[in-house]
Amino acid sequence: RLAGWEPGAAPDAYVEESVAAGELRRGDIVVVPAGELIP
């Protein structure tokens, strides 16, 4: 999950945190790299 992410934001402008998929709520932003499941 990306906290504070905005379109075009620099990498240091937001925080990436690991959470269980079941904790996600509508509106959360997540990043999914190659090889991983979409949560």
Full PDB file with SEQRES, HELIX, SHEET, SSBOND, CRYST1, ORIGX, SCALE, CONECT and MASTER records, all heavy atoms in Angstrom:
SEQRES   1 A   39  ARG LEU ALA GLY TRP GLU PRO GLY ALA ALA PRO ASP ALA          
SEQRES   2 A   39  TYR VAL GLU GLU SER VAL ALA ALA GLY GLU LEU ARG ARG          
SEQRES   3 A   39  GLY ASP ILE VAL VAL VAL PRO ALA GLY GLU LEU ILE PRO          
HELIX    1 AA1 PRO A   11  ALA A   13  5                                   3    
HELIX    2 AA2 ALA A   21  GLU A   23  5                                   3    
SHEET    1 AA1 2 LEU A   2  ALA A   3  0                                        
SHEET    2 AA1 2 VAL A  15  GLU A  16 -1                                        
CRYST1    1.000    1.000    1.000  90.00  90.00  90.00 P 1           1          
ORIGX1      1.000000  0.000000  0.000000        0.00000                         
ORIGX2      0.000000  1.000000  0.000000        0.00000                         
ORIGX3      0.000000  0.000000  1.000000        0.00000                         
SCALE1      1.000000  0.000000  0.000000        0.00000                         
SCALE2      0.000000  1.000000  0.000000        0.00000                         
SCALE3      0.000000  0.000000  1.000000        0.00000                         
ATOM      1  N   ARG A   1       0.840  -1.201   0.000  1.00  0.00           N  
ATOM      2  CA  ARG A   1       0.000   0.000   0.000  1.00  0.00           C  
ATOM      3  C   ARG A   1       0.872   1.246   0.000  1.00  0.00           C  
ATOM      4  O   ARG A   1       1.877   1.327   0.711  1.00  0.00           O  
ATOM      5  CB  ARG A   1      -0.920  -0.012   1.223  1.00  0.00           C  
ATOM      6  CG  ARG A   1      -1.914   1.140   1.247  1.00  0.00           C  
ATOM      7  CD  ARG A   1      -3.002   0.899   2.270  1.00  0.00           C  
ATOM      8  NE  ARG A   1      -2.469   0.762   3.623  1.00  0.00           N  
ATOM      9  CZ  ARG A   1      -3.203   0.377   4.665  1.00  0.00           C  
ATOM     10  NH1 ARG A   1      -4.485   0.068   4.482  1.00  0.00           N  
ATOM     11  NH2 ARG A   1      -2.668   0.279   5.858  1.00  0.00           N  
ATOM     12  N   LEU A   2       0.457   2.223  -0.821  1.00  0.00           N  
ATOM     13  CA  LEU A   2       1.209   3.471  -0.945  1.00  0.00           C  
ATOM     14  C   LEU A   2       0.464   4.565  -0.192  1.00  0.00           C  
ATOM     15  O   LEU A   2      -0.648   4.956  -0.576  1.00  0.00           O  
ATOM     16  CB  LEU A   2       1.364   3.866  -2.415  1.00  0.00           C  
ATOM     17  CG  LEU A   2       2.034   2.823  -3.330  1.00  0.00           C  
ATOM     18  CD1 LEU A   2       2.136   3.357  -4.743  1.00  0.00           C  
ATOM     19  CD2 LEU A   2       3.409   2.433  -2.792  1.00  0.00           C  
ATOM     20  N   ALA A   3       1.046   5.034   0.887  1.00  0.00           N  
ATOM     21  CA  ALA A   3       0.447   6.103   1.686  1.00  0.00           C  
ATOM     22  C   ALA A   3       0.964   7.445   1.191  1.00  0.00           C  
ATOM     23  O   ALA A   3       2.174   7.667   1.095  1.00  0.00           O  
ATOM     24  CB  ALA A   3       0.790   5.910   3.165  1.00  0.00           C  
ATOM     25  N   GLY A   4       0.044   8.347   0.849  1.00  0.00           N  
ATOM     26  CA  GLY A   4       0.437   9.673   0.390  1.00  0.00           C  
ATOM     27  C   GLY A   4       0.776   9.738  -1.081  1.00  0.00           C  
ATOM     28  O   GLY A   4       1.305  10.757  -1.543  1.00  0.00           O  
ATOM     29  N   TRP A   5       0.441   8.681  -1.836  1.00  0.00           N  
ATOM     30  CA  TRP A   5       0.783   8.679  -3.276  1.00  0.00           C  
ATOM     31  C   TRP A   5      -0.129   9.623  -4.044  1.00  0.00           C  
ATOM     32  O   TRP A   5      -1.333   9.698  -3.806  1.00  0.00           O  
ATOM     33  CB  TRP A   5       0.648   7.262  -3.827  1.00  0.00           C  
ATOM     34  CG  TRP A   5       1.044   7.141  -5.283  1.00  0.00           C  
ATOM     35  CD1 TRP A   5       2.269   6.835  -5.770  1.00  0.00           C  
ATOM     36  CD2 TRP A   5       0.187   7.305  -6.417  1.00  0.00           C  
ATOM     37  NE1 TRP A   5       2.253   6.803  -7.134  1.00  0.00           N  
ATOM     38  CE2 TRP A   5       0.977   7.093  -7.571  1.00  0.00           C  
ATOM     39  CE3 TRP A   5      -1.152   7.623  -6.578  1.00  0.00           C  
ATOM     40  CZ2 TRP A   5       0.469   7.176  -8.861  1.00  0.00           C  
ATOM     41  CZ3 TRP A   5      -1.673   7.720  -7.861  1.00  0.00           C  
ATOM     42  CH2 TRP A   5      -0.873   7.499  -8.992  1.00  0.00           C  
ATOM     43  N   GLU A   6       0.453  10.378  -4.958  1.00  0.00           N  
ATOM     44  CA  GLU A   6      -0.283  11.223  -5.890  1.00  0.00           C  
ATOM     45  C   GLU A   6       0.306  11.029  -7.284  1.00  0.00           C  
ATOM     46  O   GLU A   6       1.482  10.681  -7.412  1.00  0.00           O  
ATOM     47  CB  GLU A   6      -0.168  12.710  -5.496  1.00  0.00           C  
ATOM     48  CG  GLU A   6      -0.803  13.069  -4.165  1.00  0.00           C  
ATOM     49  CD  GLU A   6      -2.316  12.996  -4.213  1.00  0.00           C  
ATOM     50  OE1 GLU A   6      -2.869  13.014  -5.331  1.00  0.00           O  
ATOM     51  OE2 GLU A   6      -2.935  12.918  -3.132  1.00  0.00           O  
ATOM     52  N   PRO A   7      -0.491  11.211  -8.334  1.00  0.00           N  
ATOM     53  CA  PRO A   7       0.048  11.064  -9.697  1.00  0.00           C  
ATOM     54  C   PRO A   7       1.261  11.966  -9.910  1.00  0.00           C  
ATOM     55  O   PRO A   7       1.233  13.160  -9.601  1.00  0.00           O  
ATOM     56  CB  PRO A   7      -1.131  11.502 -10.585  1.00  0.00           C  
ATOM     57  CG  PRO A   7      -2.344  11.249  -9.749  1.00  0.00           C  
ATOM     58  CD  PRO A   7      -1.924  11.538  -8.346  1.00  0.00           C  
ATOM     59  N   GLY A   8       2.343  11.373 -10.405  1.00  0.00           N  
ATOM     60  CA  GLY A   8       3.553  12.127 -10.684  1.00  0.00           C  
ATOM     61  C   GLY A   8       4.408  12.419  -9.474  1.00  0.00           C  
ATOM     62  O   GLY A   8       5.411  13.140  -9.580  1.00  0.00           O  
ATOM     63  N   ALA A   9       4.018  11.874  -8.301  1.00  0.00           N  
ATOM     64  CA  ALA A   9       4.772  12.160  -7.076  1.00  0.00           C  
ATOM     65  C   ALA A   9       6.133  11.483  -7.111  1.00  0.00           C  
ATOM     66  O   ALA A   9       6.287  10.375  -7.647  1.00  0.00           O  
ATOM     67  CB  ALA A   9       3.979  11.694  -5.860  1.00  0.00           C  
ATOM     68  N   ALA A  10       7.121  12.133  -6.563  1.00  0.00           N  
ATOM     69  CA  ALA A  10       8.458  11.559  -6.459  1.00  0.00           C  
ATOM     70  C   ALA A  10       8.446  10.428  -5.443  1.00  0.00           C  
ATOM     71  O   ALA A  10       7.625  10.424  -4.510  1.00  0.00           O  
ATOM     72  CB  ALA A  10       9.459  12.635  -6.036  1.00  0.00           C  
ATOM     73  N   PRO A  11       9.362   9.441  -5.586  1.00  0.00           N  
ATOM     74  CA  PRO A  11       9.374   8.289  -4.675  1.00  0.00           C  
ATOM     75  C   PRO A  11       9.473   8.673  -3.202  1.00  0.00           C  
ATOM     76  O   PRO A  11       8.956   7.965  -2.338  1.00  0.00           O  
ATOM     77  CB  PRO A  11      10.600   7.491  -5.131  1.00  0.00           C  
ATOM     78  CG  PRO A  11      10.761   7.867  -6.574  1.00  0.00           C  
ATOM     79  CD  PRO A  11      10.350   9.305  -6.662  1.00  0.00           C  
ATOM     80  N   ASP A  12      10.128   9.797  -2.896  1.00  0.00           N  
ATOM     81  CA  ASP A  12      10.269  10.167  -1.481  1.00  0.00           C  
ATOM     82  C   ASP A  12       9.055  10.928  -0.945  1.00  0.00           C  
ATOM     83  O   ASP A  12       9.027  11.337   0.213  1.00  0.00           O  
ATOM     84  CB  ASP A  12      11.536  11.005  -1.285  1.00  0.00           C  
ATOM     85  CG  ASP A  12      11.532  12.261  -2.159  1.00  0.00           C  
ATOM     86  OD1 ASP A  12      10.587  12.428  -2.959  1.00  0.00           O  
ATOM     87  OD2 ASP A  12      12.486  13.065  -2.045  1.00  0.00           O  
ATOM     88  N   ALA A  13       8.045  11.098  -1.810  1.00  0.00           N  
ATOM     89  CA  ALA A  13       6.855  11.834  -1.378  1.00  0.00           C  
ATOM     90  C   ALA A  13       5.788  10.925  -0.794  1.00  0.00           C  
ATOM     91  O   ALA A  13       4.787  11.403  -0.271  1.00  0.00           O  
ATOM     92  CB  ALA A  13       6.277  12.632  -2.548  1.00  0.00           C  
ATOM     93  N   TYR A  14       5.959   9.624  -0.893  1.00  0.00           N  
ATOM     94  CA  TYR A  14       4.974   8.699  -0.333  1.00  0.00           C  
ATOM     95  C   TYR A  14       5.698   7.535   0.331  1.00  0.00           C  
ATOM     96  O   TYR A  14       6.900   7.337   0.147  1.00  0.00           O  
ATOM     97  CB  TYR A  14       4.013   8.185  -1.409  1.00  0.00           C  
ATOM     98  CG  TYR A  14       4.682   7.534  -2.600  1.00  0.00           C  
ATOM     99  CD1 TYR A  14       5.014   6.181  -2.602  1.00  0.00           C  
ATOM    100  CD2 TYR A  14       4.974   8.280  -3.739  1.00  0.00           C  
ATOM    101  CE1 TYR A  14       5.623   5.594  -3.686  1.00  0.00           C  
ATOM    102  CE2 TYR A  14       5.590   7.699  -4.842  1.00  0.00           C  
ATOM    103  CZ  TYR A  14       5.906   6.355  -4.816  1.00  0.00           C  
ATOM    104  OH  TYR A  14       6.513   5.764  -5.897  1.00  0.00           O  
ATOM    105  N   VAL A  15       4.946   6.775   1.117  1.00  0.00           N  
ATOM    106  CA  VAL A  15       5.519   5.671   1.892  1.00  0.00           C  
ATOM    107  C   VAL A  15       4.888   4.370   1.427  1.00  0.00           C  
ATOM    108  O   VAL A  15       3.655   4.274   1.294  1.00  0.00           O  
ATOM    109  CB  VAL A  15       5.267   5.866   3.398  1.00  0.00           C  
ATOM    110  CG1 VAL A  15       5.806   4.674   4.187  1.00  0.00           C  
ATOM    111  CG2 VAL A  15       5.897   7.168   3.874  1.00  0.00           C  
ATOM    112  N   GLU A  16       5.709   3.340   1.183  1.00  0.00           N  
ATOM    113  CA  GLU A  16       5.209   2.016   0.830  1.00  0.00           C  
ATOM    114  C   GLU A  16       5.189   1.156   2.085  1.00  0.00           C  
ATOM    115  O   GLU A  16       6.201   1.033   2.786  1.00  0.00           O  
ATOM    116  CB  GLU A  16       6.095   1.372  -0.232  1.00  0.00           C  
ATOM    117  CG  GLU A  16       5.630  -0.019  -0.642  1.00  0.00           C  
ATOM    118  CD  GLU A  16       6.509  -0.648  -1.710  1.00  0.00           C  
ATOM    119  OE1 GLU A  16       6.830   0.037  -2.697  1.00  0.00           O  
ATOM    120  OE2 GLU A  16       6.885  -1.843  -1.546  1.00  0.00           O  
ATOM    121  N   GLU A  17       4.026   0.568   2.376  1.00  0.00           N  
ATOM    122  CA  GLU A  17       3.888  -0.259   3.561  1.00  0.00           C  
ATOM    123  C   GLU A  17       3.241  -1.588   3.198  1.00  0.00           C  
ATOM    124  O   GLU A  17       2.381  -1.647   2.316  1.00  0.00           O  
ATOM    125  CB  GLU A  17       3.050   0.462   4.620  1.00  0.00           C  
ATOM    126  CG  GLU A  17       1.705   0.958   4.111  1.00  0.00           C  
ATOM    127  CD  GLU A  17       0.966   1.804   5.114  1.00  0.00           C  
ATOM    128  OE1 GLU A  17       1.539   2.084   6.182  1.00  0.00           O  
ATOM    129  OE2 GLU A  17      -0.190   2.176   4.836  1.00  0.00           O  
ATOM    130  N   SER A  18       3.654  -2.667   3.864  1.00  0.00           N  
ATOM    131  CA  SER A  18       3.113  -4.002   3.607  1.00  0.00           C  
ATOM    132  C   SER A  18       1.941  -4.264   4.545  1.00  0.00           C  
ATOM    133  O   SER A  18       2.081  -4.136   5.771  1.00  0.00           O  
ATOM    134  CB  SER A  18       4.188  -5.072   3.817  1.00  0.00           C  
ATOM    135  OG  SER A  18       5.215  -4.929   2.855  1.00  0.00           O  
ATOM    136  N   VAL A  19       0.793  -4.628   3.964  1.00  0.00           N  
ATOM    137  CA  VAL A  19      -0.405  -4.948   4.753  1.00  0.00           C  
ATOM    138  C   VAL A  19      -1.048  -6.193   4.156  1.00  0.00           C  
ATOM    139  O   VAL A  19      -0.811  -6.539   2.990  1.00  0.00           O  
ATOM    140  CB  VAL A  19      -1.422  -3.785   4.755  1.00  0.00           C  
ATOM    141  CG1 VAL A  19      -0.833  -2.544   5.386  1.00  0.00           C  
ATOM    142  CG2 VAL A  19      -1.917  -3.495   3.344  1.00  0.00           C  
ATOM    143  N   ALA A  20      -1.844  -6.881   4.951  1.00  0.00           N  
ATOM    144  CA  ALA A  20      -2.591  -8.031   4.440  1.00  0.00           C  
ATOM    145  C   ALA A  20      -3.659  -7.531   3.475  1.00  0.00           C  
ATOM    146  O   ALA A  20      -4.250  -6.466   3.665  1.00  0.00           O  
ATOM    147  CB  ALA A  20      -3.235  -8.791   5.594  1.00  0.00           C  
ATOM    148  N   ALA A  21      -3.891  -8.312   2.433  1.00  0.00           N  
ATOM    149  CA  ALA A  21      -4.867  -7.910   1.425  1.00  0.00           C  
ATOM    150  C   ALA A  21      -6.241  -7.692   2.040  1.00  0.00           C  
ATOM    151  O   ALA A  21      -7.005  -6.834   1.592  1.00  0.00           O  
ATOM    152  CB  ALA A  21      -4.943  -8.966   0.326  1.00  0.00           C  
ATOM    153  N   GLY A  22      -6.578  -8.457   3.080  1.00  0.00           N  
ATOM    154  CA  GLY A  22      -7.875  -8.322   3.714  1.00  0.00           C  
ATOM    155  C   GLY A  22      -8.076  -7.006   4.439  1.00  0.00           C  
ATOM    156  O   GLY A  22      -9.196  -6.660   4.818  1.00  0.00           O  
ATOM    157  N   GLU A  23      -6.981  -6.252   4.671  1.00  0.00           N  
ATOM    158  CA  GLU A  23      -7.082  -4.970   5.369  1.00  0.00           C  
ATOM    159  C   GLU A  23      -7.321  -3.805   4.417  1.00  0.00           C  
ATOM    160  O   GLU A  23      -7.533  -2.677   4.858  1.00  0.00           O  
ATOM    161  CB  GLU A  23      -5.801  -4.711   6.175  1.00  0.00           C  
ATOM    162  CG  GLU A  23      -5.542  -5.729   7.273  1.00  0.00           C  
ATOM    163  CD  GLU A  23      -4.253  -5.444   8.014  1.00  0.00           C  
ATOM    164  OE1 GLU A  23      -3.700  -4.335   7.833  1.00  0.00           O  
ATOM    165  OE2 GLU A  23      -3.790  -6.319   8.768  1.00  0.00           O  
ATOM    166  N   LEU A  24      -7.262  -4.063   3.116  1.00  0.00           N  
ATOM    167  CA  LEU A  24      -7.433  -2.978   2.151  1.00  0.00           C  
ATOM    168  C   LEU A  24      -8.861  -2.460   2.167  1.00  0.00           C  
ATOM    169  O   LEU A  24      -9.817  -3.220   2.336  1.00  0.00           O  
ATOM    170  CB  LEU A  24      -7.077  -3.465   0.744  1.00  0.00           C  
ATOM    171  CG  LEU A  24      -5.604  -3.819   0.496  1.00  0.00           C  
ATOM    172  CD1 LEU A  24      -5.436  -4.385  -0.902  1.00  0.00           C  
ATOM    173  CD2 LEU A  24      -4.718  -2.589   0.698  1.00  0.00           C  
ATOM    174  N   ARG A  25      -8.996  -1.158   1.967  1.00  0.00           N  
ATOM    175  CA  ARG A  25     -10.298  -0.505   1.908  1.00  0.00           C  
ATOM    176  C   ARG A  25     -10.446   0.198   0.565  1.00  0.00           C  
ATOM    177  O   ARG A  25      -9.466   0.469  -0.124  1.00  0.00           O  
ATOM    178  CB  ARG A  25     -10.446   0.517   3.042  1.00  0.00           C  
ATOM    179  CG  ARG A  25     -10.425  -0.084   4.434  1.00  0.00           C  
ATOM    180  CD  ARG A  25     -11.654  -0.946   4.690  1.00  0.00           C  
ATOM    181  NE  ARG A  25     -11.727  -1.437   6.061  1.00  0.00           N  
ATOM    182  CZ  ARG A  25     -11.194  -2.556   6.484  1.00  0.00           C  
ATOM    183  NH1 ARG A  25     -10.496  -3.318   5.639  1.00  0.00           N  
ATOM    184  NH2 ARG A  25     -11.335  -2.949   7.736  1.00  0.00           N  
ATOM    185  N   ARG A  26     -11.696   0.483   0.216  1.00  0.00           N  
ATOM    186  CA  ARG A  26     -11.958   1.198  -1.025  1.00  0.00           C  
ATOM    187  C   ARG A  26     -11.191   2.532  -1.035  1.00  0.00           C  
ATOM    188  O   ARG A  26     -11.233   3.289  -0.067  1.00  0.00           O  
ATOM    189  CB  ARG A  26     -13.455   1.463  -1.165  1.00  0.00           C  
ATOM    190  CG  ARG A  26     -13.871   1.974  -2.539  1.00  0.00           C  
ATOM    191  CD  ARG A  26     -15.314   2.455  -2.522  1.00  0.00           C  
ATOM    192  NE  ARG A  26     -16.225   1.464  -1.972  1.00  0.00           N  
ATOM    193  CZ  ARG A  26     -16.827   0.515  -2.675  1.00  0.00           C  
ATOM    194  NH1 ARG A  26     -16.602   0.443  -3.976  1.00  0.00           N  
ATOM    195  NH2 ARG A  26     -17.648  -0.343  -2.096  1.00  0.00           N  
ATOM    196  N   GLY A  27     -10.501   2.789  -2.128  1.00  0.00           N  
ATOM    197  CA  GLY A  27      -9.744   4.026  -2.270  1.00  0.00           C  
ATOM    198  C   GLY A  27      -8.270   3.883  -1.975  1.00  0.00           C  
ATOM    199  O   GLY A  27      -7.482   4.781  -2.301  1.00  0.00           O  
ATOM    200  N   ASP A  28      -7.844   2.769  -1.342  1.00  0.00           N  
ATOM    201  CA  ASP A  28      -6.419   2.554  -1.088  1.00  0.00           C  
ATOM    202  C   ASP A  28      -5.656   2.411  -2.407  1.00  0.00           C  
ATOM    203  O   ASP A  28      -6.186   1.888  -3.395  1.00  0.00           O  
ATOM    204  CB  ASP A  28      -6.207   1.296  -0.242  1.00  0.00           C  
ATOM    205  CG  ASP A  28      -6.564   1.512   1.224  1.00  0.00           C  
ATOM    206  OD1 ASP A  28      -6.773   2.668   1.604  1.00  0.00           O  
ATOM    207  OD2 ASP A  28      -6.653   0.517   1.970  1.00  0.00           O  
ATOM    208  N   ILE A  29      -4.410   2.879  -2.400  1.00  0.00           N  
ATOM    209  CA  ILE A  29      -3.539   2.783  -3.578  1.00  0.00           C  
ATOM    210  C   ILE A  29      -2.486   1.716  -3.298  1.00  0.00           C  
ATOM    211  O   ILE A  29      -1.824   1.743  -2.258  1.00  0.00           O  
ATOM    212  CB  ILE A  29      -2.848   4.123  -3.887  1.00  0.00           C  
ATOM    213  CG1 ILE A  29      -3.882   5.252  -3.988  1.00  0.00           C  
ATOM    214  CG2 ILE A  29      -2.041   4.009  -5.172  1.00  0.00           C  
ATOM    215  CD1 ILE A  29      -4.867   5.095  -5.107  1.00  0.00           C  
ATOM    216  N   VAL A  30      -2.327   0.759  -4.218  1.00  0.00           N  
ATOM    217  CA  VAL A  30      -1.319  -0.290  -4.064  1.00  0.00           C  
ATOM    218  C   VAL A  30      -0.477  -0.364  -5.330  1.00  0.00           C  
ATOM    219  O   VAL A  30      -0.945  -0.023  -6.425  1.00  0.00           O  
ATOM    220  CB  VAL A  30      -1.957  -1.672  -3.780  1.00  0.00           C  
ATOM    221  CG1 VAL A  30      -2.710  -1.663  -2.471  1.00  0.00           C  
ATOM    222  CG2 VAL A  30      -2.883  -2.088  -4.914  1.00  0.00           C  
ATOM    223  N   VAL A  31       0.752  -0.790  -5.173  1.00  0.00           N  
ATOM    224  CA  VAL A  31       1.626  -1.024  -6.315  1.00  0.00           C  
ATOM    225  C   VAL A  31       1.843  -2.531  -6.437  1.00  0.00           C  
ATOM    226  O   VAL A  31       2.025  -3.227  -5.439  1.00  0.00           O  
ATOM    227  CB  VAL A  31       2.971  -0.281  -6.154  1.00  0.00           C  
ATOM    228  CG1 VAL A  31       3.716  -0.749  -4.912  1.00  0.00           C  
ATOM    229  CG2 VAL A  31       3.845  -0.480  -7.402  1.00  0.00           C  
ATOM    230  N   VAL A  32       1.776  -3.038  -7.677  1.00  0.00           N  
ATOM    231  CA  VAL A  32       1.936  -4.476  -7.917  1.00  0.00           C  
ATOM    232  C   VAL A  32       3.020  -4.671  -8.971  1.00  0.00           C  
ATOM    233  O   VAL A  32       2.784  -4.420 -10.159  1.00  0.00           O  
ATOM    234  CB  VAL A  32       0.623  -5.120  -8.396  1.00  0.00           C  
ATOM    235  CG1 VAL A  32       0.762  -6.640  -8.408  1.00  0.00           C  
ATOM    236  CG2 VAL A  32      -0.552  -4.702  -7.527  1.00  0.00           C  
ATOM    237  N   PRO A  33       4.216  -5.091  -8.577  1.00  0.00           N  
ATOM    238  CA  PRO A  33       5.277  -5.341  -9.561  1.00  0.00           C  
ATOM    239  C   PRO A  33       5.087  -6.683 -10.254  1.00  0.00           C  
ATOM    240  O   PRO A  33       4.219  -7.486  -9.878  1.00  0.00           O  
ATOM    241  CB  PRO A  33       6.539  -5.338  -8.701  1.00  0.00           C  
ATOM    242  CG  PRO A  33       6.075  -5.758  -7.348  1.00  0.00           C  
ATOM    243  CD  PRO A  33       4.675  -5.253  -7.198  1.00  0.00           C  
ATOM    244  N   ALA A  34       5.885  -6.939 -11.263  1.00  0.00           N  
ATOM    245  CA  ALA A  34       5.805  -8.188 -12.016  1.00  0.00           C  
ATOM    246  C   ALA A  34       6.027  -9.378 -11.100  1.00  0.00           C  
ATOM    247  O   ALA A  34       6.880  -9.348 -10.202  1.00  0.00           O  
ATOM    248  CB  ALA A  34       6.840  -8.186 -13.137  1.00  0.00           C  
ATOM    249  N   GLY A  35       5.241 -10.430 -11.319  1.00  0.00           N  
ATOM    250  CA  GLY A  35       5.372 -11.660 -10.560  1.00  0.00           C  
ATOM    251  C   GLY A  35       4.495 -11.738  -9.334  1.00  0.00           C  
ATOM    252  O   GLY A  35       4.385 -12.805  -8.727  1.00  0.00           O  
ATOM    253  N   GLU A  36       3.840 -10.647  -8.943  1.00  0.00           N  
ATOM    254  CA  GLU A  36       3.021 -10.656  -7.741  1.00  0.00           C  
ATOM    255  C   GLU A  36       1.533 -10.675  -8.082  1.00  0.00           C  
ATOM    256  O   GLU A  36       1.118 -10.281  -9.170  1.00  0.00           O  
ATOM    257  CB  GLU A  36       3.345  -9.441  -6.867  1.00  0.00           C  
ATOM    258  CG  GLU A  36       4.749  -9.482  -6.275  1.00  0.00           C  
ATOM    259  CD  GLU A  36       4.942  -8.433  -5.198  1.00  0.00           C  
ATOM    260  OE1 GLU A  36       3.952  -7.760  -4.831  1.00  0.00           O  
ATOM    261  OE2 GLU A  36       6.086  -8.287  -4.719  1.00  0.00           O  
ATOM    262  N   LEU A  37       0.735 -11.136  -7.104  1.00  0.00           N  
ATOM    263  CA  LEU A  37      -0.713 -11.181  -7.271  1.00  0.00           C  
ATOM    264  C   LEU A  37      -1.325  -9.820  -6.969  1.00  0.00           C  
ATOM    265  O   LEU A  37      -0.885  -9.133  -6.038  1.00  0.00           O  
ATOM    266  CB  LEU A  37      -1.331 -12.224  -6.337  1.00  0.00           C  
ATOM    267  CG  LEU A  37      -1.035 -13.695  -6.634  1.00  0.00           C  
ATOM    268  CD1 LEU A  37      -1.591 -14.567  -5.515  1.00  0.00           C  
ATOM    269  CD2 LEU A  37      -1.632 -14.113  -7.963  1.00  0.00           C  
ATOM    270  N   ILE A  38      -2.319  -9.451  -7.732  1.00  0.00           N  
ATOM    271  CA  ILE A  38      -3.065  -8.229  -7.456  1.00  0.00           C  
ATOM    272  C   ILE A  38      -3.918  -8.491  -6.215  1.00  0.00           C  
ATOM    273  O   ILE A  38      -4.705  -9.444  -6.184  1.00  0.00           O  
ATOM    274  CB  ILE A  38      -3.930  -7.851  -8.667  1.00  0.00           C  
ATOM    275  CG1 ILE A  38      -3.030  -7.523  -9.860  1.00  0.00           C  
ATOM    276  CG2 ILE A  38      -4.842  -6.668  -8.338  1.00  0.00           C  
ATOM    277  CD1 ILE A  38      -3.768  -7.294 -11.159  1.00  0.00           C  
ATOM    278  N   PRO A  39      -3.783  -7.696  -5.158  1.00  0.00           N  
ATOM    279  CA  PRO A  39      -4.411  -8.036  -3.867  1.00  0.00           C  
ATOM    280  C   PRO A  39      -5.910  -7.795  -3.791  1.00  0.00           C  
ATOM    281  O   PRO A  39      -6.564  -8.298  -2.884  1.00  0.00           O  
ATOM    282  CB  PRO A  39      -3.672  -7.136  -2.877  1.00  0.00           C  
ATOM    283  CG  PRO A  39      -3.241  -5.959  -3.701  1.00  0.00           C  
ATOM    284  CD  PRO A  39      -2.946  -6.492  -5.063  1.00  0.00           C  
TER     285      PRO A  39                                                      
MASTER        0    0    0    2    2    0    0    6  284    1    0    3          
END                                                                             
